[in-house]
PDB file of N, CA and C in Angstrom:
ATOM      1  N   UNK A   1    -150.849 248.523  82.158  1.00  0.00           N
ATOM      2  CA  UNK A   1    -149.850 247.847  81.379  1.00  0.00           C
ATOM      3  C   UNK A   1    -149.040 249.059  80.664  1.00  0.00           C
ATOM      4  N   UNK A   2    -147.742 248.986  80.844  1.00  0.00           N
ATOM      5  CA  UNK A   2    -146.885 249.967  80.239  1.00  0.00           C
ATOM      6  C   UNK A   2    -146.437 249.470  78.832  1.00  0.00           C
ATOM      7  N   UNK A   3    -146.689 250.388  77.864  1.00  0.00           N
ATOM      8  CA  UNK A   3    -146.250 250.040  76.470  1.00  0.00           C
ATOM      9  C   UNK A   3    -144.830 250.687  76.129  1.00  0.00           C
ATOM     10  N   UNK A   4    -144.122 249.899  75.427  1.00  0.00           N
ATOM     11  CA  UNK A   4    -142.855 250.531  74.936  1.00  0.00           C
ATOM     12  C   UNK A   4    -143.155 251.450  73.762  1.00  0.00           C
ATOM     13  N   UNK A   5    -142.341 252.552  73.719  1.00  0.00           N
ATOM     14  CA  UNK A   5    -142.609 253.531  72.665  1.00  0.00           C
ATOM     15  C   UNK A   5    -142.353 252.880  71.207  1.00  0.00           C
ATOM     16  N   UNK A   6    -143.209 253.316  70.326  1.00  0.00           N
ATOM     17  CA  UNK A   6    -142.998 252.907  68.942  1.00  0.00           C
ATOM     18  C   UNK A   6    -141.791 253.680  68.300  1.00  0.00           C
ATOM     19  N   UNK A   7    -141.017 252.979  67.503  1.00  0.00           N
ATOM     20  CA  UNK A   7    -139.840 253.746  66.895  1.00  0.00           C
ATOM     21  C   UNK A   7    -140.500 254.737  65.951  1.00  0.00           C
ATOM     22  N   UNK A   8    -139.831 255.862  65.788  1.00  0.00           N
ATOM     23  CA  UNK A   8    -140.386 256.958  64.775  1.00  0.00           C
ATOM     24  C   UNK A   8    -140.365 256.330  63.365  1.00  0.00           C
ATOM     25  N   UNK A   9    -141.400 256.721  62.556  1.00  0.00           N
ATOM     26  CA  UNK A   9    -141.348 256.332  61.230  1.00  0.00           C
ATOM     27  C   UNK A   9    -141.414 257.569  60.381  1.00  0.00           C
ATOM     28  N   UNK A  10    -140.656 257.358  59.355  1.00  0.00           N
ATOM     29  CA  UNK A  10    -140.532 258.551  58.312  1.00  0.00           C
ATOM     30  C   UNK A  10    -141.645 258.308  57.336  1.00  0.00           C
ATOM     31  N   UNK A  11    -142.527 259.309  57.135  1.00  0.00           N
ATOM     32  CA  UNK A  11    -143.731 259.223  56.266  1.00  0.00           C
ATOM     33  C   UNK A  11    -143.228 258.795  54.895  1.00  0.00           C
ATOM     34  N   UNK A  12    -143.818 257.798  54.290  1.00  0.00           N
ATOM     35  CA  UNK A  12    -143.626 257.494  52.866  1.00  0.00           C
ATOM     36  C   UNK A  12    -142.412 256.713  52.623  1.00  0.00           C
ATOM     37  N   UNK A  13    -141.575 256.428  53.593  1.00  0.00           N
ATOM     38  CA  UNK A  13    -140.286 255.664  53.258  1.00  0.00           C
ATOM     39  C   UNK A  13    -140.520 254.242  53.706  1.00  0.00           C
ATOM     40  N   UNK A  14    -140.025 253.304  52.868  1.00  0.00           N
ATOM     41  CA  UNK A  14    -140.088 251.924  53.187  1.00  0.00           C
ATOM     42  C   UNK A  14    -138.643 251.576  53.512  1.00  0.00           C
ATOM     43  N   UNK A  15    -138.483 250.666  54.505  1.00  0.00           N
ATOM     44  CA  UNK A  15    -137.161 250.344  54.912  1.00  0.00           C
ATOM     45  C   UNK A  15    -136.912 248.983  54.272  1.00  0.00           C
ATOM     46  N   UNK A  16    -135.612 248.840  53.923  1.00  0.00           N
ATOM     47  CA  UNK A  16    -135.162 247.641  53.258  1.00  0.00           C
ATOM     48  C   UNK A  16    -134.134 246.908  54.220  1.00  0.00           C
ATOM     49  N   UNK A  17    -133.951 245.646  54.155  1.00  0.00           N
ATOM     50  CA  UNK A  17    -132.943 244.854  54.764  1.00  0.00           C
ATOM     51  C   UNK A  17    -131.698 245.217  54.260  1.00  0.00           C
ATOM     52  N   UNK A  18    -130.569 245.006  54.974  1.00  0.00           N
ATOM     53  CA  UNK A  18    -129.178 245.184  54.463  1.00  0.00           C
ATOM     54  C   UNK A  18    -129.003 244.322  53.139  1.00  0.00           C
ATOM     55  N   UNK A  19    -129.532 243.095  53.213  1.00  0.00           N
ATOM     56  CA  UNK A  19    -129.239 242.184  52.081  1.00  0.00           C
ATOM     57  C   UNK A  19    -130.025 242.838  50.783  1.00  0.00           C
ATOM     58  N   UNK A  20    -131.241 243.251  50.968  1.00  0.00           N
ATOM     59  CA  UNK A  20    -131.929 243.963  49.796  1.00  0.00           C
ATOM     60  C   UNK A  20    -131.308 245.162  49.294  1.00  0.00           C
ATOM     61  N   UNK A  21    -130.779 245.951  50.314  1.00  0.00           N
ATOM     62  CA  UNK A  21    -130.166 247.229  49.980  1.00  0.00           C
ATOM     63  C   UNK A  21    -128.949 246.912  49.122  1.00  0.00           C
ATOM     64  N   UNK A  22    -128.100 245.812  49.446  1.00  0.00           N
ATOM     65  CA  UNK A  22    -127.028 245.490  48.591  1.00  0.00           C
ATOM     66  C   UNK A  22    -127.385 245.059  47.224  1.00  0.00           C
ATOM     67  N   UNK A  23    -128.567 244.335  47.127  1.00  0.00           N
ATOM     68  CA  UNK A  23    -129.060 243.970  45.805  1.00  0.00           C
ATOM     69  C   UNK A  23    -129.334 245.197  44.928  1.00  0.00           C
ATOM     70  N   UNK A  24    -129.941 246.165  45.536  1.00  0.00           N
ATOM     71  CA  UNK A  24    -130.329 247.329  44.879  1.00  0.00           C
ATOM     72  C   UNK A  24    -129.213 248.172  44.420  1.00  0.00           C
ATOM     73  N   UNK A  25    -128.096 248.176  45.151  1.00  0.00           N
ATOM     74  CA  UNK A  25    -126.822 248.763  44.658  1.00  0.00           C
ATOM     75  C   UNK A  25    -126.366 248.124  43.302  1.00  0.00           C
ATOM     76  N   UNK A  26    -126.452 246.776  43.356  1.00  0.00           N
ATOM     77  CA  UNK A  26    -126.002 246.128  42.162  1.00  0.00           C
ATOM     78  C   UNK A  26    -127.024 246.226  41.014  1.00  0.00           C
ATOM     79  N   UNK A  27    -128.230 246.416  41.335  1.00  0.00           N
ATOM     80  CA  UNK A  27    -129.243 246.593  40.327  1.00  0.00           C
ATOM     81  C   UNK A  27    -129.085 247.912  39.565  1.00  0.00           C
ATOM     82  N   UNK A  28    -128.699 249.009  40.450  1.00  0.00           N
ATOM     83  CA  UNK A  28    -128.633 250.400  39.853  1.00  0.00           C
ATOM     84  C   UNK A  28    -127.401 250.305  38.731  1.00  0.00           C
ATOM     85  N   UNK A  29    -126.483 249.625  39.084  1.00  0.00           N
ATOM     86  CA  UNK A  29    -125.288 249.456  38.093  1.00  0.00           C
ATOM     87  C   UNK A  29    -125.747 248.774  36.802  1.00  0.00           C
ATOM     88  N   UNK A  30    -126.547 247.626  37.012  1.00  0.00           N
ATOM     89  CA  UNK A  30    -127.099 246.897  35.680  1.00  0.00           C
ATOM     90  C   UNK A  30    -127.977 247.749  34.986  1.00  0.00           C
ATOM     91  N   UNK A  31    -128.843 248.443  35.665  1.00  0.00           N
ATOM     92  CA  UNK A  31    -129.800 249.415  34.903  1.00  0.00           C
ATOM     93  C   UNK A  31    -129.087 250.585  34.219  1.00  0.00           C
ATOM     94  N   UNK A  32    -128.067 251.100  34.944  1.00  0.00           N
ATOM     95  CA  UNK A  32    -127.258 252.127  34.344  1.00  0.00           C
ATOM     96  C   UNK A  32    -126.581 251.744  33.076  1.00  0.00           C
ATOM     97  N   UNK A  33    -126.091 250.493  33.029  1.00  0.00           N
ATOM     98  CA  UNK A  33    -125.421 249.828  31.957  1.00  0.00           C
ATOM     99  C   UNK A  33    -126.359 249.652  30.795  1.00  0.00           C
ATOM    100  N   UNK A  34    -127.621 249.142  31.165  1.00  0.00           N
ATOM    101  CA  UNK A  34    -128.596 248.833  30.110  1.00  0.00           C
ATOM    102  C   UNK A  34    -129.192 250.133  29.389  1.00  0.00           C
ATOM    103  N   UNK A  35    -129.125 251.302  30.122  1.00  0.00           N
ATOM    104  CA  UNK A  35    -129.676 252.430  29.595  1.00  0.00           C
ATOM    105  C   UNK A  35    -128.597 253.423  29.283  1.00  0.00           C
ATOM    106  N   UNK A  36    -127.305 252.911  29.106  1.00  0.00           N
ATOM    107  CA  UNK A  36    -126.293 253.847  28.731  1.00  0.00           C
ATOM    108  C   UNK A  36    -126.566 254.529  27.403  1.00  0.00           C
ATOM    109  N   UNK A  37    -127.102 253.742  26.447  1.00  0.00           N
ATOM    110  CA  UNK A  37    -127.395 254.328  25.237  1.00  0.00           C
ATOM    111  C   UNK A  37    -128.924 254.464  25.085  1.00  0.00           C
ATOM    112  N   UNK A  38    -129.436 255.633  24.735  1.00  0.00           N
ATOM    113  CA  UNK A  38    -130.869 255.832  24.636  1.00  0.00           C
ATOM    114  C   UNK A  38    -131.403 254.916  23.515  1.00  0.00           C
ATOM    115  N   UNK A  39    -132.576 254.313  23.815  1.00  0.00           N
ATOM    116  CA  UNK A  39    -133.167 253.432  22.857  1.00  0.00           C
ATOM    117  C   UNK A  39    -134.796 253.792  22.924  1.00  0.00           C
ATOM    118  N   UNK A  40    -135.468 253.215  21.992  1.00  0.00           N
ATOM    119  CA  UNK A  40    -136.847 253.374  21.809  1.00  0.00           C
ATOM    120  C   UNK A  40    -137.579 252.378  22.734  1.00  0.00           C
ATOM    121  N   UNK A  41    -138.692 252.588  23.296  1.00  0.00           N
ATOM    122  CA  UNK A  41    -139.523 251.640  24.162  1.00  0.00           C
ATOM    123  C   UNK A  41    -139.697 250.379  23.429  1.00  0.00           C
ATOM    124  N   UNK A  42    -139.561 249.195  24.136  1.00  0.00           N
ATOM    125  CA  UNK A  42    -139.676 247.947  23.486  1.00  0.00           C
ATOM    126  C   UNK A  42    -141.099 247.561  23.178  1.00  0.00           C
ATOM    127  N   UNK A  43    -142.134 248.356  23.452  1.00  0.00           N
ATOM    128  CA  UNK A  43    -143.454 248.050  22.972  1.00  0.00           C
ATOM    129  C   UNK A  43    -143.420 248.408  21.540  1.00  0.00           C
ATOM    130  N   UNK A  44    -143.800 247.468  20.645  1.00  0.00           N
ATOM    131  CA  UNK A  44    -143.645 247.635  19.162  1.00  0.00           C
ATOM    132  C   UNK A  44    -144.158 248.847  18.503  1.00  0.00           C
ATOM    133  N   UNK A  45    -145.287 249.317  19.044  1.00  0.00           N
ATOM    134  CA  UNK A  45    -146.038 250.477  18.379  1.00  0.00           C
ATOM    135  C   UNK A  45    -145.577 251.894  19.064  1.00  0.00           C
ATOM    136  N   UNK A  46    -144.810 251.718  20.054  1.00  0.00           N
ATOM    137  CA  UNK A  46    -144.448 252.934  20.795  1.00  0.00           C
ATOM    138  C   UNK A  46    -143.194 253.644  20.254  1.00  0.00           C
ATOM    139  N   UNK A  47    -143.233 255.022  20.132  1.00  0.00           N
ATOM    140  CA  UNK A  47    -141.998 255.681  19.642  1.00  0.00           C
ATOM    141  C   UNK A  47    -141.394 256.521  20.713  1.00  0.00           C
ATOM    142  N   UNK A  48    -141.713 256.421  21.996  1.00  0.00           N
ATOM    143  CA  UNK A  48    -141.126 257.097  23.054  1.00  0.00           C
ATOM    144  C   UNK A  48    -139.694 256.536  23.375  1.00  0.00           C
ATOM    145  N   UNK A  49    -138.903 257.330  24.018  1.00  0.00           N
ATOM    146  CA  UNK A  49    -137.584 256.940  24.496  1.00  0.00           C
ATOM    147  C   UNK A  49    -137.791 256.056  25.721  1.00  0.00           C
ATOM    148  N   UNK A  50    -137.171 254.904  25.826  1.00  0.00           N
ATOM    149  CA  UNK A  50    -137.200 253.998  26.968  1.00  0.00           C
ATOM    150  C   UNK A  50    -136.545 254.723  28.163  1.00  0.00           C
ATOM    151  N   UNK A  51    -137.176 254.821  29.234  1.00  0.00           N
ATOM    152  CA  UNK A  51    -136.676 255.471  30.461  1.00  0.00           C
ATOM    153  C   UNK A  51    -136.788 254.545  31.664  1.00  0.00           C
ATOM    154  N   UNK A  52    -137.511 253.440  31.718  1.00  0.00           N
ATOM    155  CA  UNK A  52    -137.816 252.733  32.882  1.00  0.00           C
ATOM    156  C   UNK A  52    -137.510 251.230  32.595  1.00  0.00           C
ATOM    157  N   UNK A  53    -136.884 250.570  33.690  1.00  0.00           N
ATOM    158  CA  UNK A  53    -136.655 249.227  33.588  1.00  0.00           C
ATOM    159  C   UNK A  53    -137.995 248.461  33.961  1.00  0.00           C
ATOM    160  N   UNK A  54    -138.450 247.510  33.247  1.00  0.00           N
ATOM    161  CA  UNK A  54    -139.564 246.735  33.537  1.00  0.00           C
ATOM    162  C   UNK A  54    -139.247 245.300  33.756  1.00  0.00           C
ATOM    163  N   UNK A  55    -139.735 244.635  34.772  1.00  0.00           N
ATOM    164  CA  UNK A  55    -139.566 243.315  35.096  1.00  0.00           C
ATOM    165  C   UNK A  55    -140.752 242.464  34.616  1.00  0.00           C
ATOM    166  N   UNK A  56    -140.744 241.718  33.481  1.00  0.00           N
ATOM    167  CA  UNK A  56    -141.901 240.867  33.207  1.00  0.00           C
ATOM    168  C   UNK A  56    -142.220 239.869  34.201  1.00  0.00           C
ATOM    169  N   UNK A  57    -141.206 239.247  34.786  1.00  0.00           N
ATOM    170  CA  UNK A  57    -141.513 238.306  35.827  1.00  0.00           C
ATOM    171  C   UNK A  57    -141.186 239.110  37.220  1.00  0.00           C
ATOM    172  N   UNK A  58    -142.201 239.471  37.809  1.00  0.00           N
ATOM    173  CA  UNK A  58    -142.107 240.409  38.994  1.00  0.00           C
ATOM    174  C   UNK A  58    -141.530 239.644  40.194  1.00  0.00           C
ATOM    175  N   UNK A  59    -141.040 240.362  41.163  1.00  0.00           N
ATOM    176  CA  UNK A  59    -140.562 239.753  42.459  1.00  0.00           C
ATOM    177  C   UNK A  59    -141.620 238.864  43.082  1.00  0.00           C
ATOM    178  N   UNK A  60    -142.859 239.483  43.057  1.00  0.00           N
ATOM    179  CA  UNK A  60    -143.967 238.776  43.656  1.00  0.00           C
ATOM    180  C   UNK A  60    -144.189 237.421  42.918  1.00  0.00           C
ATOM    181  N   UNK A  61    -143.828 237.352  41.712  1.00  0.00           N
ATOM    182  CA  UNK A  61    -143.965 236.044  40.989  1.00  0.00           C
ATOM    183  C   UNK A  61    -142.643 235.343  40.900  1.00  0.00           C
ATOM    184  N   UNK A  62    -141.732 235.480  41.775  1.00  0.00           N
ATOM    185  CA  UNK A  62    -140.412 234.831  41.870  1.00  0.00           C
ATOM    186  C   UNK A  62    -139.353 235.280  40.928  1.00  0.00           C
ATOM    187  N   UNK A  63    -139.509 236.527  40.419  1.00  0.00           N
ATOM    188  CA  UNK A  63    -138.522 237.020  39.531  1.00  0.00           C
ATOM    189  C   UNK A  63    -137.325 237.513  40.296  1.00  0.00           C
ATOM    190  N   UNK A  64    -136.124 237.776  39.618  1.00  0.00           N
ATOM    191  CA  UNK A  64    -134.944 238.211  40.236  1.00  0.00           C
ATOM    192  C   UNK A  64    -134.575 239.589  39.770  1.00  0.00           C
ATOM    193  N   UNK A  65    -134.484 240.574  40.657  1.00  0.00           N
ATOM    194  CA  UNK A  65    -134.193 241.924  40.236  1.00  0.00           C
ATOM    195  C   UNK A  65    -132.825 242.068  39.602  1.00  0.00           C
ATOM    196  N   UNK A  66    -131.918 241.074  39.746  1.00  0.00           N
ATOM    197  CA  UNK A  66    -130.608 241.142  39.169  1.00  0.00           C
ATOM    198  C   UNK A  66    -130.382 240.338  37.875  1.00  0.00           C
ATOM    199  N   UNK A  67    -131.544 239.731  37.404  1.00  0.00           N
ATOM    200  CA  UNK A  67    -131.425 239.055  36.207  1.00  0.00           C
ATOM    201  C   UNK A  67    -131.630 239.980  34.959  1.00  0.00           C
ATOM    202  N   UNK A  68    -130.522 240.101  34.168  1.00  0.00           N
ATOM    203  CA  UNK A  68    -130.686 241.013  33.013  1.00  0.00           C
ATOM    204  C   UNK A  68    -131.699 240.671  32.028  1.00  0.00           C
ATOM    205  N   UNK A  69    -131.864 239.424  31.906  1.00  0.00           N
ATOM    206  CA  UNK A  69    -132.897 238.817  30.873  1.00  0.00           C
ATOM    207  C   UNK A  69    -134.406 239.097  31.383  1.00  0.00           C
ATOM    208  N   UNK A  70    -134.444 239.523  32.619  1.00  0.00           N
ATOM    209  CA  UNK A  70    -135.828 239.870  33.125  1.00  0.00           C
ATOM    210  C   UNK A  70    -136.075 241.396  33.223  1.00  0.00           C
ATOM    211  N   UNK A  71    -135.230 242.054  32.485  1.00  0.00           N
ATOM    212  CA  UNK A  71    -135.390 243.658  32.468  1.00  0.00           C
ATOM    213  C   UNK A  71    -135.672 244.028  31.018  1.00  0.00           C
ATOM    214  N   UNK A  72    -136.868 244.682  30.748  1.00  0.00           N
ATOM    215  CA  UNK A  72    -137.268 245.143  29.555  1.00  0.00           C
ATOM    216  C   UNK A  72    -137.172 246.692  29.662  1.00  0.00           C
ATOM    217  N   UNK A  73    -136.723 247.356  28.554  1.00  0.00           N
ATOM    218  CA  UNK A  73    -136.575 248.862  28.479  1.00  0.00           C
ATOM    219  C   UNK A  73    -137.889 249.299  27.933  1.00  0.00           C
ATOM    220  N   UNK A  74    -138.591 250.152  28.760  1.00  0.00           N
ATOM    221  CA  UNK A  74    -139.914 250.612  28.272  1.00  0.00           C
ATOM    222  C   UNK A  74    -140.066 252.219  28.619  1.00  0.00           C
ATOM    223  N   UNK A  75    -140.956 252.816  28.074  1.00  0.00           N
ATOM    224  CA  UNK A  75    -141.197 254.276  28.464  1.00  0.00           C
ATOM    225  C   UNK A  75    -141.965 254.275  29.772  1.00  0.00           C
ATOM    226  N   UNK A  76    -141.984 255.370  30.344  1.00  0.00           N
ATOM    227  CA  UNK A  76    -142.799 255.482  31.651  1.00  0.00           C
ATOM    228  C   UNK A  76    -144.199 255.253  31.537  1.00  0.00           C
ATOM    229  N   UNK A  77    -144.906 255.754  30.517  1.00  0.00           N
ATOM    230  CA  UNK A  77    -146.386 255.437  30.413  1.00  0.00           C
ATOM    231  C   UNK A  77    -146.731 254.024  30.289  1.00  0.00           C
ATOM    232  N   UNK A  78    -145.895 253.250  29.602  1.00  0.00           N
ATOM    233  CA  UNK A  78    -146.116 251.794  29.518  1.00  0.00           C
ATOM    234  C   UNK A  78    -145.698 251.042  30.717  1.00  0.00           C
ATOM    235  N   UNK A  79    -144.714 251.578  31.441  1.00  0.00           N
ATOM    236  CA  UNK A  79    -144.373 250.831  32.695  1.00  0.00           C
ATOM    237  C   UNK A  79    -145.577 251.038  33.745  1.00  0.00           C
ATOM    238  N   UNK A  80    -146.068 252.205  33.769  1.00  0.00           N
ATOM    239  CA  UNK A  80    -147.148 252.432  34.667  1.00  0.00           C
ATOM    240  C   UNK A  80    -148.427 251.568  34.174  1.00  0.00           C
ATOM    241  N   UNK A  81    -148.562 251.409  32.999  1.00  0.00           N
ATOM    242  CA  UNK A  81    -149.767 250.725  32.384  1.00  0.00           C
ATOM    243  C   UNK A  81    -149.611 249.143  32.818  1.00  0.00           C
ATOM    244  N   UNK A  82    -148.214 248.773  32.666  1.00  0.00           N
ATOM    245  CA  UNK A  82    -148.087 247.228  33.076  1.00  0.00           C
ATOM    246  C   UNK A  82    -148.298 247.038  34.604  1.00  0.00           C
ATOM    247  N   UNK A  83    -148.033 248.060  35.358  1.00  0.00           N
ATOM    248  CA  UNK A  83    -148.201 247.808  36.796  1.00  0.00           C
ATOM    249  C   UNK A  83    -149.672 247.954  37.231  1.00  0.00           C
ATOM    250  N   UNK A  84    -150.475 248.636  36.404  1.00  0.00           N
ATOM    251  CA  UNK A  84    -151.842 249.055  36.846  1.00  0.00           C
ATOM    252  C   UNK A  84    -152.900 248.071  36.160  1.00  0.00           C
ATOM    253  N   UNK A  85    -152.452 247.494  35.031  1.00  0.00           N
ATOM    254  CA  UNK A  85    -153.413 246.834  34.155  1.00  0.00           C
ATOM    255  C   UNK A  85    -152.930 245.489  33.631  1.00  0.00           C
ATOM    256  N   UNK A  86    -153.712 244.476  33.427  1.00  0.00           N
ATOM    257  CA  UNK A  86    -153.168 243.306  32.741  1.00  0.00           C
ATOM    258  C   UNK A  86    -154.123 243.019  31.595  1.00  0.00           C
ATOM    259  N   UNK A  87    -153.408 243.178  30.412  1.00  0.00           N
ATOM    260  CA  UNK A  87    -154.155 242.939  29.079  1.00  0.00           C
ATOM    261  C   UNK A  87    -153.532 241.615  28.443  1.00  0.00           C
ATOM    262  N   UNK A  88    -154.317 240.884  27.713  1.00  0.00           N
ATOM    263  CA  UNK A  88    -153.731 239.736  26.998  1.00  0.00           C
ATOM    264  C   UNK A  88    -152.494 240.014  26.208  1.00  0.00           C
ATOM    265  N   UNK A  89    -152.553 241.193  25.605  1.00  0.00           N
ATOM    266  CA  UNK A  89    -151.223 241.479  24.675  1.00  0.00           C
ATOM    267  C   UNK A  89    -149.985 241.628  25.452  1.00  0.00           C
ATOM    268  N   UNK A  90    -150.128 242.019  26.723  1.00  0.00           N
ATOM    269  CA  UNK A  90    -148.903 242.166  27.565  1.00  0.00           C
ATOM    270  C   UNK A  90    -148.244 240.867  27.848  1.00  0.00           C
ATOM    271  N   UNK A  91    -149.103 239.732  28.059  1.00  0.00           N
ATOM    272  CA  UNK A  91    -148.589 238.427  28.077  1.00  0.00           C
ATOM    273  C   UNK A  91    -148.024 237.908  26.845  1.00  0.00           C
ATOM    274  N   UNK A  92    -148.807 238.144  25.744  1.00  0.00           N
ATOM    275  CA  UNK A  92    -148.374 237.672  24.361  1.00  0.00           C
ATOM    276  C   UNK A  92    -147.124 238.162  23.879  1.00  0.00           C
ATOM    277  N   UNK A  93    -146.778 239.504  24.229  1.00  0.00           N
ATOM    278  CA  UNK A  93    -145.497 239.994  23.803  1.00  0.00           C
ATOM    279  C   UNK A  93    -144.479 240.002  24.923  1.00  0.00           C
ATOM    280  N   UNK A  94    -144.692 239.243  25.963  1.00  0.00           N
ATOM    281  CA  UNK A  94    -143.723 239.037  26.985  1.00  0.00           C
ATOM    282  C   UNK A  94    -143.413 240.238  28.005  1.00  0.00           C
ATOM    283  N   UNK A  95    -144.376 241.161  28.100  1.00  0.00           N
ATOM    284  CA  UNK A  95    -144.213 242.178  29.013  1.00  0.00           C
ATOM    285  C   UNK A  95    -144.654 241.746  30.422  1.00  0.00           C
ATOM    286  N   UNK A  96    -145.518 240.763  30.511  1.00  0.00           N
ATOM    287  CA  UNK A  96    -145.830 240.101  31.833  1.00  0.00           C
ATOM    288  C   UNK A  96    -145.698 238.563  31.681  1.00  0.00           C
ATOM    289  N   UNK A  97    -145.404 238.052  32.702  1.00  0.00           N
ATOM    290  CA  UNK A  97    -145.125 236.515  32.806  1.00  0.00           C
ATOM    291  C   UNK A  97    -145.872 235.983  34.017  1.00  0.00           C
ATOM    292  N   UNK A  98    -146.554 234.920  33.774  1.00  0.00           N
ATOM    293  CA  UNK A  98    -147.196 234.143  34.871  1.00  0.00           C
ATOM    294  C   UNK A  98    -146.099 233.278  35.500  1.00  0.00           C
ATOM    295  N   UNK A  99    -146.171 233.260  36.882  1.00  0.00           N
ATOM    296  CA  UNK A  99    -145.113 232.383  37.532  1.00  0.00           C
ATOM    297  C   UNK A  99    -145.577 230.887  37.337  1.00  0.00           C
ATOM    298  N   UNK A 100    -146.807 230.524  37.219  1.00  0.00           N
ATOM    299  CA  UNK A 100    -147.193 229.144  37.047  1.00  0.00           C
ATOM    300  C   UNK A 100    -146.712 228.538  35.760  1.00  0.00           C
ATOM    301  N   UNK A 101    -146.362 229.379  34.801  1.00  0.00           N
ATOM    302  CA  UNK A 101    -145.898 228.838  33.458  1.00  0.00           C
ATOM    303  C   UNK A 101    -144.411 228.432  33.601  1.00  0.00           C
ATOM    304  N   UNK A 102    -143.723 228.764  34.632  1.00  0.00           N
ATOM    305  CA  UNK A 102    -142.346 228.249  34.742  1.00  0.00           C
ATOM    306  C   UNK A 102    -142.242 226.929  35.330  1.00  0.00           C
ATOM    307  N   UNK A 103    -141.349 226.179  34.676  1.00  0.00           N
ATOM    308  CA  UNK A 103    -141.033 224.776  35.064  1.00  0.00           C
ATOM    309  C   UNK A 103    -139.977 224.861  36.316  1.00  0.00           C
ATOM    310  N   UNK A 104    -140.393 224.347  37.436  1.00  0.00           N
ATOM    311  CA  UNK A 104    -139.454 224.412  38.486  1.00  0.00           C
ATOM    312  C   UNK A 104    -139.142 225.717  39.154  1.00  0.00           C
ATOM    313  N   UNK A 105    -140.089 226.723  38.948  1.00  0.00           N
ATOM    314  CA  UNK A 105    -139.921 228.082  39.524  1.00  0.00           C
ATOM    315  C   UNK A 105    -139.093 228.988  38.719  1.00  0.00           C
ATOM    316  N   UNK A 106    -138.725 230.089  39.138  1.00  0.00           N
ATOM    317  CA  UNK A 106    -137.945 231.053  38.474  1.00  0.00           C
ATOM    318  C   UNK A 106    -136.491 230.635  38.493  1.00  0.00           C
ATOM    319  N   UNK A 107    -135.689 230.854  37.469  1.00  0.00           N
ATOM    320  CA  UNK A 107    -134.284 230.538  37.474  1.00  0.00           C
ATOM    321  C   UNK A 107    -133.413 231.701  37.016  1.00  0.00           C
TER     322      UNK A 107
END
């Protein structure tokens, strides 16, 4: 049985659909606007400069990457922490949101 050749893959790169690529162009504009003026990380006890956009309602939980109200400005260490660990205080302060708490899904 003859196999068709696999298309070459670039190591480490993930490919996006054209629709998602257009969304990310718009998202870059939104994030640039939000970070135009340097501010302190939104975690109450943190004094670092906010450098990363954080989505409390992630895309996996039906969040929208273009929803400005779903973007919190945090420092890089906290953004990494939110992605790698789930602590009760993260939910209590609104840095993480459960999708099942939404009435009728994300809006």
